[in-house]
Amino acid sequence: MSDEVAAQRGRLAAEILASDVYKDAYEAVRQEYMHAWMQSPAGDVEGRESLFMMIKILDKVRADMAAQIATGKMAQATLDAKAKRAVGINTRFPL
């Protein structure tokens, strides 16, 4: 993936995670899973394990979004450094 694409994806991931709609949906789903897990009978091992995995998957999606933000920031820093070098070269060696 190019630095431009990574930077754009990082910005988009940041916008999504900062969105009130995303935050509300994430919390509602996570609370629903947690409530169902805590209310499930102790003997329902399969059901409890399934709910636990659903919570972990939800958390994994958020972690992946955070990783895309970090990657996007690094890509943007690379793009900024390249642009700065290009400006420096153009100033030292005008056409």
Protein backbone atom coordinates (compact mmCIF):
# COMPACT_ATOMS: atom_id res chain seq x y z
CA MET A 1 0.00 0.00 0.00
CA SER A 2 1.35 3.40 -0.91
CA ASP A 3 2.06 6.06 1.69
CA GLU A 4 -0.71 8.20 0.23
CA VAL A 5 -3.27 5.41 0.64
CA ALA A 6 -2.03 4.53 4.14
CA ALA A 7 -2.21 8.17 5.23
CA GLN A 8 -5.74 8.52 3.84
CA ARG A 9 -6.88 5.29 5.51
CA GLY A 10 -5.36 6.44 8.78
CA ARG A 11 -7.24 9.75 8.61
CA LEU A 12 -10.48 7.94 7.80
CA ALA A 13 -9.98 5.47 10.68
CA ALA A 14 -9.38 8.40 13.05
CA GLU A 15 -12.57 10.10 11.87
CA ILE A 16 -14.55 6.90 12.37
CA LEU A 17 -13.20 6.22 15.86
CA ALA A 18 -13.86 9.84 16.86
CA SER A 19 -17.41 9.69 15.52
CA ASP A 20 -20.17 9.76 18.14
CA VAL A 21 -22.14 7.31 16.00
CA TYR A 22 -19.28 4.79 16.10
CA LYS A 23 -18.64 5.33 19.82
CA ASP A 24 -22.30 4.86 20.68
CA ALA A 25 -22.67 1.77 18.50
CA TYR A 26 -19.47 0.21 19.85
CA GLU A 27 -20.47 0.77 23.47
CA ALA A 28 -24.04 -0.44 22.92
CA VAL A 29 -22.92 -3.66 21.23
CA ARG A 30 -20.16 -4.28 23.79
CA GLN A 31 -22.54 -3.69 26.71
CA GLU A 32 -25.11 -5.98 25.14
CA TYR A 33 -22.54 -8.77 24.78
CA MET A 34 -21.18 -8.21 28.29
CA HIS A 35 -24.66 -8.25 29.79
CA ALA A 36 -25.59 -11.43 27.93
CA TRP A 37 -22.30 -13.04 29.01
CA MET A 38 -22.76 -12.09 32.67
CA GLN A 39 -26.39 -13.27 32.68
CA SER A 40 -25.68 -16.58 30.95
CA PRO A 41 -25.89 -19.74 33.03
CA ALA A 42 -22.54 -21.02 34.30
CA GLY A 43 -23.26 -24.38 32.69
CA ASP A 44 -23.66 -22.85 29.22
CA VAL A 45 -19.98 -23.08 28.44
CA GLU A 46 -20.44 -22.97 24.67
CA GLY A 47 -22.75 -19.94 24.81
CA ARG A 48 -20.49 -18.07 27.26
CA GLU A 49 -17.43 -18.84 25.15
CA SER A 50 -19.22 -17.61 22.03
CA LEU A 51 -20.16 -14.32 23.73
CA PHE A 52 -16.62 -13.92 25.06
CA MET A 53 -15.23 -14.39 21.55
CA MET A 54 -17.70 -11.84 20.17
CA ILE A 55 -16.45 -9.29 22.71
CA LYS A 56 -12.86 -10.06 21.78
CA ILE A 57 -13.60 -9.68 18.06
CA LEU A 58 -15.28 -6.33 18.69
CA ASP A 59 -12.21 -5.18 20.61
CA LYS A 60 -9.97 -6.50 17.82
CA VAL A 61 -11.78 -4.34 15.26
CA ARG A 62 -11.15 -1.26 17.41
CA ALA A 63 -7.49 -2.23 17.85
CA ASP A 64 -7.11 -2.70 14.10
CA MET A 65 -8.56 0.75 13.49
CA ALA A 66 -6.07 2.20 16.00
CA ALA A 67 -3.23 0.40 14.18
CA GLN A 68 -4.39 1.91 10.89
CA ILE A 69 -4.32 5.36 12.50
CA ALA A 70 -0.72 4.79 13.67
CA THR A 71 0.31 3.48 10.24
CA GLY A 72 -1.36 6.47 8.61
CA LYS A 73 0.53 8.89 10.86
CA MET A 74 3.84 7.23 9.97
CA ALA A 75 2.95 7.32 6.28
CA GLN A 76 2.01 11.00 6.52
CA ALA A 77 5.31 11.74 8.25
CA THR A 78 7.13 9.99 5.40
CA LEU A 79 5.17 12.01 2.83
CA ASP A 80 5.90 15.24 4.71
CA ALA A 81 9.61 14.41 4.85
CA LYS A 82 9.67 13.65 1.12
CA ALA A 83 7.89 16.93 0.35
CA LYS A 84 10.28 18.85 2.57
CA ARG A 85 13.28 17.27 0.84
CA ALA A 86 11.78 18.06 -2.57
CA VAL A 87 11.29 21.69 -1.61
CA GLY A 88 14.88 21.85 -0.35
CA ILE A 89 16.21 20.36 -3.55
CA ASN A 90 14.14 22.77 -5.67
CA THR A 91 15.43 25.76 -3.69
CA ARG A 92 19.05 24.72 -3.99
CA PHE A 93 18.79 23.73 -7.62
CA PRO A 94 16.14 25.91 -9.28
CA LEU A 95 15.12 24.93 -12.78
